[in-house]
Amino acid sequence: APLLNMDPERQALYEACQRLGVGITVMKAFGGGDLLSGSLSPA
């Protein structure tokens, strides 16, 4: 089904990290490569 807007718990997590000085190192930025493929990307 169509998805609308960022999950509020994820947004709250990022904002808590910014506020409390916890640095984020990102994993899965490419979704294991699926986001780079039109046939595999869930988007």
All heavy atoms as atom14 arrays in JSON, in Angstrom:
{
  "sequence": "APLLNMDPERQALYEACQRLGVGITVMKAFGGGDLLSGSLSPA",
  "atom14_mask": [
    [1, 1, 1, 1, 1, 0, 0, 0, 0, 0, 0, 0, 0, 0],
    [1, 1, 1, 1, 1, 1, 1, 0, 0, 0, 0, 0, 0, 0],
    [1, 1, 1, 1, 1, 1, 1, 1, 0, 0, 0, 0, 0, 0],
    [1, 1, 1, 1, 1, 1, 1, 1, 0, 0, 0, 0, 0, 0],
    [1, 1, 1, 1, 1, 1, 1, 1, 0, 0, 0, 0, 0, 0],
    [1, 1, 1, 1, 1, 1, 1, 1, 0, 0, 0, 0, 0, 0],
    [1, 1, 1, 1, 1, 1, 1, 1, 0, 0, 0, 0, 0, 0],
    [1, 1, 1, 1, 1, 1, 1, 0, 0, 0, 0, 0, 0, 0],
    [1, 1, 1, 1, 1, 1, 1, 1, 1, 0, 0, 0, 0, 0],
    [1, 1, 1, 1, 1, 1, 1, 1, 1, 1, 1, 0, 0, 0],
    [1, 1, 1, 1, 1, 1, 1, 1, 1, 0, 0, 0, 0, 0],
    [1, 1, 1, 1, 1, 0, 0, 0, 0, 0, 0, 0, 0, 0],
    [1, 1, 1, 1, 1, 1, 1, 1, 0, 0, 0, 0, 0, 0],
    [1, 1, 1, 1, 1, 1, 1, 1, 1, 1, 1, 1, 0, 0],
    [1, 1, 1, 1, 1, 1, 1, 1, 1, 0, 0, 0, 0, 0],
    [1, 1, 1, 1, 1, 0, 0, 0, 0, 0, 0, 0, 0, 0],
    [1, 1, 1, 1, 1, 1, 0, 0, 0, 0, 0, 0, 0, 0],
    [1, 1, 1, 1, 1, 1, 1, 1, 1, 0, 0, 0, 0, 0],
    [1, 1, 1, 1, 1, 1, 1, 1, 1, 1, 1, 0, 0, 0],
    [1, 1, 1, 1, 1, 1, 1, 1, 0, 0, 0, 0, 0, 0],
    [1, 1, 1, 1, 0, 0, 0, 0, 0, 0, 0, 0, 0, 0],
    [1, 1, 1, 1, 1, 1, 1, 0, 0, 0, 0, 0, 0, 0],
    [1, 1, 1, 1, 0, 0, 0, 0, 0, 0, 0, 0, 0, 0],
    [1, 1, 1, 1, 1, 1, 1, 1, 0, 0, 0, 0, 0, 0],
    [1, 1, 1, 1, 1, 1, 1, 0, 0, 0, 0, 0, 0, 0],
    [1, 1, 1, 1, 1, 1, 1, 0, 0, 0, 0, 0, 0, 0],
    [1, 1, 1, 1, 1, 1, 1, 1, 0, 0, 0, 0, 0, 0],
    [1, 1, 1, 1, 1, 1, 1, 1, 1, 0, 0, 0, 0, 0],
    [1, 1, 1, 1, 1, 0, 0, 0, 0, 0, 0, 0, 0, 0],
    [1, 1, 1, 1, 1, 1, 1, 1, 1, 1, 1, 0, 0, 0],
    [1, 1, 1, 1, 0, 0, 0, 0, 0, 0, 0, 0, 0, 0],
    [1, 1, 1, 1, 0, 0, 0, 0, 0, 0, 0, 0, 0, 0],
    [1, 1, 1, 1, 0, 0, 0, 0, 0, 0, 0, 0, 0, 0],
    [1, 1, 1, 1, 1, 1, 1, 1, 0, 0, 0, 0, 0, 0],
    [1, 1, 1, 1, 1, 1, 1, 1, 0, 0, 0, 0, 0, 0],
    [1, 1, 1, 1, 1, 1, 1, 1, 0, 0, 0, 0, 0, 0],
    [1, 1, 1, 1, 1, 1, 0, 0, 0, 0, 0, 0, 0, 0],
    [1, 1, 1, 1, 0, 0, 0, 0, 0, 0, 0, 0, 0, 0],
    [1, 1, 1, 1, 1, 1, 0, 0, 0, 0, 0, 0, 0, 0],
    [1, 1, 1, 1, 1, 1, 1, 1, 0, 0, 0, 0, 0, 0],
    [1, 1, 1, 1, 1, 1, 0, 0, 0, 0, 0, 0, 0, 0],
    [1, 1, 1, 1, 1, 1, 1, 0, 0, 0, 0, 0, 0, 0],
    [1, 1, 1, 1, 1, 0, 0, 0, 0, 0, 0, 0, 0, 0]
  ],
  "atom14_positions": [
    [[0.85, -1.19, 0.0], [0.0, 0.0, 0.0], [0.89, 1.24, 0.0], [2.04, 1.19, 0.44], [-0.9, -0.01, 1.23], [0.0, 0.0, 0.0], [0.0, 0.0, 0.0], [0.0, 0.0, 0.0], [0.0, 0.0, 0.0], [0.0, 0.0, 0.0], [0.0, 0.0, 0.0], [0.0, 0.0, 0.0], [0.0, 0.0, 0.0], [0.0, 0.0, 0.0]],
    [[0.38, 2.38, -0.5], [1.17, 3.62, -0.48], [1.61, 3.98, 0.94], [0.85, 3.82, 1.9], [0.19, 4.66, -1.05], [-0.76, 3.87, -1.87], [-0.92, 2.55, -1.17], [0.0, 0.0, 0.0], [0.0, 0.0, 0.0], [0.0, 0.0, 0.0], [0.0, 0.0, 0.0], [0.0, 0.0, 0.0], [0.0, 0.0, 0.0], [0.0, 0.0, 0.0]],
    [[2.83, 4.45, 1.09], [3.39, 4.81, 2.38], [3.53, 6.33, 2.47], [4.0, 6.97, 1.52], [4.75, 4.15, 2.57], [4.72, 2.61, 2.66], [6.12, 2.04, 2.54], [4.07, 2.16, 3.95], [0.0, 0.0, 0.0], [0.0, 0.0, 0.0], [0.0, 0.0, 0.0], [0.0, 0.0, 0.0], [0.0, 0.0, 0.0], [0.0, 0.0, 0.0]],
    [[3.14, 6.88, 3.6], [3.14, 8.33, 3.76], [4.03, 8.74, 4.92], [3.8, 8.33, 6.06], [1.72, 8.84, 4.02], [0.68, 8.51, 2.93], [-0.7, 8.99, 3.38], [1.07, 9.16, 1.62], [0.0, 0.0, 0.0], [0.0, 0.0, 0.0], [0.0, 0.0, 0.0], [0.0, 0.0, 0.0], [0.0, 0.0, 0.0], [0.0, 0.0, 0.0]],
    [[5.07, 9.48, 4.61], [5.9, 10.17, 5.6], [6.72, 9.25, 6.5], [6.42, 8.07, 6.68], [5.07, 11.12, 6.45], [4.73, 12.37, 5.7], [5.53, 12.87, 4.92], [3.53, 12.88, 5.91], [0.0, 0.0, 0.0], [0.0, 0.0, 0.0], [0.0, 0.0, 0.0], [0.0, 0.0, 0.0], [0.0, 0.0, 0.0], [0.0, 0.0, 0.0]],
    [[7.76, 9.82, 7.06], [8.69, 9.1, 7.9], [8.0, 8.59, 9.17], [7.17, 9.26, 9.75], [9.86, 10.01, 8.28], [10.93, 9.33, 9.11], [12.34, 10.39, 9.47], [13.07, 10.52, 7.85], [0.0, 0.0, 0.0], [0.0, 0.0, 0.0], [0.0, 0.0, 0.0], [0.0, 0.0, 0.0], [0.0, 0.0, 0.0], [0.0, 0.0, 0.0]],
    [[8.39, 7.37, 9.57], [7.88, 6.82, 10.83], [8.29, 7.76, 11.97], [9.45, 8.12, 12.1], [8.48, 5.44, 11.05], [8.07, 4.86, 12.39], [6.89, 4.52, 12.55], [8.94, 4.78, 13.29], [0.0, 0.0, 0.0], [0.0, 0.0, 0.0], [0.0, 0.0, 0.0], [0.0, 0.0, 0.0], [0.0, 0.0, 0.0], [0.0, 0.0, 0.0]],
    [[7.33, 8.17, 12.81], [7.66, 9.16, 13.85], [8.7, 8.69, 14.85], [9.44, 9.5, 15.41], [6.31, 9.42, 14.54], [5.42, 8.3, 14.11], [5.9, 7.85, 12.77], [0.0, 0.0, 0.0], [0.0, 0.0, 0.0], [0.0, 0.0, 0.0], [0.0, 0.0, 0.0], [0.0, 0.0, 0.0], [0.0, 0.0, 0.0], [0.0, 0.0, 0.0]],
    [[8.79, 7.37, 15.09], [9.8, 6.88, 16.03], [11.2, 7.02, 15.44], [12.16, 7.26, 16.19], [9.52, 5.42, 16.39], [8.29, 5.26, 17.28], [8.15, 3.87, 17.82], [7.79, 2.97, 17.05], [8.41, 3.68, 19.03], [0.0, 0.0, 0.0], [0.0, 0.0, 0.0], [0.0, 0.0, 0.0], [0.0, 0.0, 0.0], [0.0, 0.0, 0.0]],
    [[11.32, 6.88, 14.14], [12.63, 7.07, 13.52], [13.03, 8.54, 13.55], [14.18, 8.88, 13.84], [12.6, 6.53, 12.08], [12.5, 5.04, 12.04], [12.36, 4.48, 10.64], [12.26, 3.03, 10.72], [13.27, 2.19, 10.74], [14.51, 2.65, 10.63], [13.09, 0.9, 10.85], [0.0, 0.0, 0.0], [0.0, 0.0, 0.0], [0.0, 0.0, 0.0]],
    [[12.07, 9.41, 13.24], [12.37, 10.84, 13.32], [12.77, 11.23, 14.74], [13.73, 11.98, 14.94], [11.13, 11.64, 12.87], [11.34, 13.14, 12.88], [12.26, 13.64, 11.78], [12.56, 12.91, 10.84], [12.69, 14.88, 11.87], [0.0, 0.0, 0.0], [0.0, 0.0, 0.0], [0.0, 0.0, 0.0], [0.0, 0.0, 0.0], [0.0, 0.0, 0.0]],
    [[12.04, 10.7, 15.73], [12.35, 11.02, 17.13], [13.73, 10.5, 17.51], [14.46, 11.14, 18.29], [11.29, 10.41, 18.05], [0.0, 0.0, 0.0], [0.0, 0.0, 0.0], [0.0, 0.0, 0.0], [0.0, 0.0, 0.0], [0.0, 0.0, 0.0], [0.0, 0.0, 0.0], [0.0, 0.0, 0.0], [0.0, 0.0, 0.0], [0.0, 0.0, 0.0]],
    [[14.12, 9.35, 16.97], [15.46, 8.81, 17.25], [16.53, 9.73, 16.72], [17.48, 10.07, 17.45], [15.61, 7.43, 16.61], [17.04, 6.87, 16.59], [17.56, 6.64, 18.0], [17.1, 5.58, 15.77], [0.0, 0.0, 0.0], [0.0, 0.0, 0.0], [0.0, 0.0, 0.0], [0.0, 0.0, 0.0], [0.0, 0.0, 0.0], [0.0, 0.0, 0.0]],
    [[16.41, 10.16, 15.47], [17.44, 11.03, 14.89], [17.54, 12.34, 15.67], [18.63, 12.85, 15.92], [17.13, 11.32, 13.42], [17.01, 10.09, 12.54], [16.18, 10.08, 11.43], [17.74, 8.93, 12.84], [16.07, 8.95, 10.63], [17.63, 7.8, 12.04], [16.8, 7.81, 10.94], [16.68, 6.69, 10.15], [0.0, 0.0, 0.0], [0.0, 0.0, 0.0]],
    [[16.38, 12.87, 16.05], [16.39, 14.13, 16.8], [16.99, 13.94, 18.19], [17.68, 14.82, 18.7], [14.98, 14.68, 16.86], [14.48, 15.17, 15.5], [13.0, 15.47, 15.44], [12.28, 15.08, 16.38], [12.56, 16.06, 14.44], [0.0, 0.0, 0.0], [0.0, 0.0, 0.0], [0.0, 0.0, 0.0], [0.0, 0.0, 0.0], [0.0, 0.0, 0.0]],
    [[16.74, 12.77, 18.82], [17.34, 12.51, 20.13], [18.86, 12.41, 20.02], [19.59, 12.9, 20.88], [16.77, 11.21, 20.71], [0.0, 0.0, 0.0], [0.0, 0.0, 0.0], [0.0, 0.0, 0.0], [0.0, 0.0, 0.0], [0.0, 0.0, 0.0], [0.0, 0.0, 0.0], [0.0, 0.0, 0.0], [0.0, 0.0, 0.0], [0.0, 0.0, 0.0]],
    [[19.34, 11.78, 18.95], [20.8, 11.69, 18.75], [21.41, 13.08, 18.59], [22.45, 13.38, 19.18], [21.1, 10.84, 17.53], [20.78, 9.07, 17.76], [0.0, 0.0, 0.0], [0.0, 0.0, 0.0], [0.0, 0.0, 0.0], [0.0, 0.0, 0.0], [0.0, 0.0, 0.0], [0.0, 0.0, 0.0], [0.0, 0.0, 0.0], [0.0, 0.0, 0.0]],
    [[20.76, 13.92, 17.8], [21.25, 15.29, 17.61], [21.26, 16.05, 18.93], [22.23, 16.73, 19.26], [20.36, 16.01, 16.6], [20.73, 17.45, 16.33], [21.76, 17.59, 15.24], [21.85, 16.75, 14.36], [22.53, 18.65, 15.27], [0.0, 0.0, 0.0], [0.0, 0.0, 0.0], [0.0, 0.0, 0.0], [0.0, 0.0, 0.0], [0.0, 0.0, 0.0]],
    [[20.2, 15.9, 19.68], [20.05, 16.65, 20.93], [21.02, 16.19, 22.01], [21.57, 17.01, 22.76], [18.6, 16.47, 21.42], [18.24, 17.3, 22.64], [16.77, 17.12, 23.0], [16.48, 15.82, 23.59], [15.79, 14.86, 23.0], [15.31, 15.02, 21.79], [15.57, 13.72, 23.62], [0.0, 0.0, 0.0], [0.0, 0.0, 0.0], [0.0, 0.0, 0.0]],
    [[21.25, 14.88, 22.07], [22.06, 14.32, 23.16], [23.52, 14.1, 22.77], [24.3, 13.62, 23.58], [21.43, 12.99, 23.62], [20.01, 13.11, 24.19], [19.41, 11.74, 24.47], [20.01, 13.96, 25.45], [0.0, 0.0, 0.0], [0.0, 0.0, 0.0], [0.0, 0.0, 0.0], [0.0, 0.0, 0.0], [0.0, 0.0, 0.0], [0.0, 0.0, 0.0]],
    [[23.86, 14.44, 21.54], [25.26, 14.32, 21.12], [25.72, 12.91, 20.87], [26.9, 12.59, 21.09], [0.0, 0.0, 0.0], [0.0, 0.0, 0.0], [0.0, 0.0, 0.0], [0.0, 0.0, 0.0], [0.0, 0.0, 0.0], [0.0, 0.0, 0.0], [0.0, 0.0, 0.0], [0.0, 0.0, 0.0], [0.0, 0.0, 0.0], [0.0, 0.0, 0.0]],
    [[24.81, 12.04, 20.41], [25.19, 10.68, 20.03], [25.33, 10.64, 18.52], [24.36, 10.83, 17.79], [24.15, 9.65, 20.5], [24.49, 8.26, 19.98], [24.08, 9.64, 22.03], [0.0, 0.0, 0.0], [0.0, 0.0, 0.0], [0.0, 0.0, 0.0], [0.0, 0.0, 0.0], [0.0, 0.0, 0.0], [0.0, 0.0, 0.0], [0.0, 0.0, 0.0]],
    [[26.54, 10.43, 18.04], [26.78, 10.43, 16.61], [26.28, 9.14, 15.95], [26.42, 8.06, 16.52], [0.0, 0.0, 0.0], [0.0, 0.0, 0.0], [0.0, 0.0, 0.0], [0.0, 0.0, 0.0], [0.0, 0.0, 0.0], [0.0, 0.0, 0.0], [0.0, 0.0, 0.0], [0.0, 0.0, 0.0], [0.0, 0.0, 0.0], [0.0, 0.0, 0.0]],
    [[25.69, 9.27, 14.78], [25.2, 8.11, 14.04], [26.16, 7.75, 12.92], [26.56, 8.6, 12.13], [23.81, 8.39, 13.42], [22.79, 8.74, 14.51], [23.32, 7.18, 12.62], [21.43, 9.16, 13.96], [0.0, 0.0, 0.0], [0.0, 0.0, 0.0], [0.0, 0.0, 0.0], [0.0, 0.0, 0.0], [0.0, 0.0, 0.0], [0.0, 0.0, 0.0]],
    [[26.54, 6.48, 12.89], [27.23, 5.93, 11.72], [26.21, 5.07, 11.0], [25.61, 4.17, 11.58], [28.48, 5.11, 12.11], [28.11, 4.03, 12.98], [29.49, 5.98, 12.82], [0.0, 0.0, 0.0], [0.0, 0.0, 0.0], [0.0, 0.0, 0.0], [0.0, 0.0, 0.0], [0.0, 0.0, 0.0], [0.0, 0.0, 0.0], [0.0, 0.0, 0.0]],
    [[26.01, 5.34, 9.73], [24.89, 4.75, 8.98], [25.29, 3.45, 8.32], [26.35, 3.35, 7.68], [24.41, 5.75, 7.9], [23.37, 5.1, 6.98], [23.83, 7.0, 8.56], [0.0, 0.0, 0.0], [0.0, 0.0, 0.0], [0.0, 0.0, 0.0], [0.0, 0.0, 0.0], [0.0, 0.0, 0.0], [0.0, 0.0, 0.0], [0.0, 0.0, 0.0]],
    [[24.42, 2.45, 8.46], [24.54, 1.23, 7.67], [23.3, 1.11, 6.78], [22.3, 1.79, 6.98], [24.65, 0.0, 8.57], [23.48, -0.21, 9.53], [23.68, -1.75, 10.47], [22.53, -1.48, 11.83], [0.0, 0.0, 0.0], [0.0, 0.0, 0.0], [0.0, 0.0, 0.0], [0.0, 0.0, 0.0], [0.0, 0.0, 0.0], [0.0, 0.0, 0.0]],
    [[23.38, 0.26, 5.78], [22.26, -0.05, 4.88], [21.77, 1.17, 4.1], [20.58, 1.26, 3.77], [21.1, -0.67, 5.66], [21.45, -1.87, 6.51], [21.86, -3.05, 5.67], [21.89, -4.37, 6.42], [22.15, -4.42, 7.8], [0.0, 0.0, 0.0], [0.0, 0.0, 0.0], [0.0, 0.0, 0.0], [0.0, 0.0, 0.0], [0.0, 0.0, 0.0]],
    [[22.65, 2.09, 3.79], [22.22, 3.29, 3.05], [21.67, 2.94, 1.67], [20.82, 3.65, 1.13], [23.38, 4.27, 2.91], [0.0, 0.0, 0.0], [0.0, 0.0, 0.0], [0.0, 0.0, 0.0], [0.0, 0.0, 0.0], [0.0, 0.0, 0.0], [0.0, 0.0, 0.0], [0.0, 0.0, 0.0], [0.0, 0.0, 0.0], [0.0, 0.0, 0.0]],
    [[22.17, 1.85, 1.08], [21.7, 1.41, -0.24], [20.7, 0.26, -0.14], [20.31, -0.29, -1.17], [22.88, 0.96, -1.11], [23.99, 1.96, -1.25], [25.3, 1.55, -1.3], [23.72, 3.33, -1.34], [26.34, 2.46, -1.43], [24.75, 4.25, -1.47], [26.07, 3.82, -1.51], [0.0, 0.0, 0.0], [0.0, 0.0, 0.0], [0.0, 0.0, 0.0]],
    [[20.32, -0.11, 1.08], [19.42, -1.25, 1.23], [19.98, -2.52, 0.64], [19.26, -3.29, 0.0], [0.0, 0.0, 0.0], [0.0, 0.0, 0.0], [0.0, 0.0, 0.0], [0.0, 0.0, 0.0], [0.0, 0.0, 0.0], [0.0, 0.0, 0.0], [0.0, 0.0, 0.0], [0.0, 0.0, 0.0], [0.0, 0.0, 0.0], [0.0, 0.0, 0.0]],
    [[21.27, -2.77, 0.88], [21.9, -3.95, 0.31], [22.01, -3.89, -1.2], [22.22, -4.91, -1.87], [0.0, 0.0, 0.0], [0.0, 0.0, 0.0], [0.0, 0.0, 0.0], [0.0, 0.0, 0.0], [0.0, 0.0, 0.0], [0.0, 0.0, 0.0], [0.0, 0.0, 0.0], [0.0, 0.0, 0.0], [0.0, 0.0, 0.0], [0.0, 0.0, 0.0]],
    [[21.89, -2.69, -1.75], [21.98, -2.51, -3.2], [20.62, -2.46, -3.89], [20.52, -2.02, -5.04], [0.0, 0.0, 0.0], [0.0, 0.0, 0.0], [0.0, 0.0, 0.0], [0.0, 0.0, 0.0], [0.0, 0.0, 0.0], [0.0, 0.0, 0.0], [0.0, 0.0, 0.0], [0.0, 0.0, 0.0], [0.0, 0.0, 0.0], [0.0, 0.0, 0.0]],
    [[19.55, -2.86, -3.18], [18.23, -2.92, -3.8], [17.71, -1.54, -4.21], [17.02, -1.4, -5.22], [17.22, -3.58, -2.87], [17.39, -5.09, -2.79], [18.31, -5.6, -3.46], [16.64, -5.75, -2.07], [0.0, 0.0, 0.0], [0.0, 0.0, 0.0], [0.0, 0.0, 0.0], [0.0, 0.0, 0.0], [0.0, 0.0, 0.0], [0.0, 0.0, 0.0]],
    [[18.04, -0.52, -3.43], [17.55, 0.83, -3.76], [18.13, 1.35, -5.06], [17.59, 2.28, -5.66], [17.88, 1.8, -2.63], [16.92, 1.81, -1.44], [17.45, 2.71, -0.35], [15.53, 2.25, -1.86], [0.0, 0.0, 0.0], [0.0, 0.0, 0.0], [0.0, 0.0, 0.0], [0.0, 0.0, 0.0], [0.0, 0.0, 0.0], [0.0, 0.0, 0.0]],
    [[19.22, 0.76, -5.5], [19.88, 1.21, -6.73], [19.33, 0.51, -7.96], [19.76, 0.78, -9.08], [21.39, 0.96, -6.63], [22.08, 1.49, -5.36], [23.57, 1.19, -5.41], [21.83, 2.96, -5.16], [0.0, 0.0, 0.0], [0.0, 0.0, 0.0], [0.0, 0.0, 0.0], [0.0, 0.0, 0.0], [0.0, 0.0, 0.0], [0.0, 0.0, 0.0]],
    [[18.35, -0.38, -7.76], [17.77, -1.15, -8.86], [16.28, -0.87, -8.99], [15.53, -1.03, -8.01], [17.99, -2.65, -8.62], [17.18, -3.44, -9.47], [0.0, 0.0, 0.0], [0.0, 0.0, 0.0], [0.0, 0.0, 0.0], [0.0, 0.0, 0.0], [0.0, 0.0, 0.0], [0.0, 0.0, 0.0], [0.0, 0.0, 0.0], [0.0, 0.0, 0.0]],
    [[15.84, -0.47, -10.17], [14.43, -0.22, -10.38], [13.56, -1.44, -10.19], [12.42, -1.35, -9.73], [0.0, 0.0, 0.0], [0.0, 0.0, 0.0], [0.0, 0.0, 0.0], [0.0, 0.0, 0.0], [0.0, 0.0, 0.0], [0.0, 0.0, 0.0], [0.0, 0.0, 0.0], [0.0, 0.0, 0.0], [0.0, 0.0, 0.0], [0.0, 0.0, 0.0]],
    [[14.09, -2.62, -10.5], [13.3, -3.85, -10.36], [13.27, -4.37, -8.94], [12.33, -5.08, -8.55], [13.87, -4.94, -11.29], [15.21, -5.24, -10.95], [0.0, 0.0, 0.0], [0.0, 0.0, 0.0], [0.0, 0.0, 0.0], [0.0, 0.0, 0.0], [0.0, 0.0, 0.0], [0.0, 0.0, 0.0], [0.0, 0.0, 0.0], [0.0, 0.0, 0.0]],
    [[14.27, -4.03, -8.12], [14.34, -4.54, -6.75], [13.88, -3.55, -5.7], [13.45, -3.95, -4.62], [15.78, -4.96, -6.43], [16.36, -6.11, -7.26], [17.82, -6.34, -6.87], [15.55, -7.38, -7.07], [0.0, 0.0, 0.0], [0.0, 0.0, 0.0], [0.0, 0.0, 0.0], [0.0, 0.0, 0.0], [0.0, 0.0, 0.0], [0.0, 0.0, 0.0]],
    [[13.93, -2.26, -5.99], [13.6, -1.26, -4.99], [12.12, -1.32, -4.62], [11.25, -1.25, -5.5], [13.92, 0.14, -5.51], [13.42, 1.12, -4.6], [0.0, 0.0, 0.0], [0.0, 0.0, 0.0], [0.0, 0.0, 0.0], [0.0, 0.0, 0.0], [0.0, 0.0, 0.0], [0.0, 0.0, 0.0], [0.0, 0.0, 0.0], [0.0, 0.0, 0.0]],
    [[11.8, -1.42, -3.33], [10.4, -1.41, -2.92], [9.73, -0.07, -3.15], [8.5, 0.04, -3.11], [10.46, -1.75, -1.43], [11.82, -1.34, -1.0], [12.71, -1.58, -2.19], [0.0, 0.0, 0.0], [0.0, 0.0, 0.0], [0.0, 0.0, 0.0], [0.0, 0.0, 0.0], [0.0, 0.0, 0.0], [0.0, 0.0, 0.0], [0.0, 0.0, 0.0]],
    [[10.54, 0.97, -3.4], [9.97, 2.28, -3.69], [9.4, 2.35, -5.1], [8.7, 3.3, -5.45], [11.03, 3.37, -3.51], [0.0, 0.0, 0.0], [0.0, 0.0, 0.0], [0.0, 0.0, 0.0], [0.0, 0.0, 0.0], [0.0, 0.0, 0.0], [0.0, 0.0, 0.0], [0.0, 0.0, 0.0], [0.0, 0.0, 0.0], [0.0, 0.0, 0.0]]
  ]
}
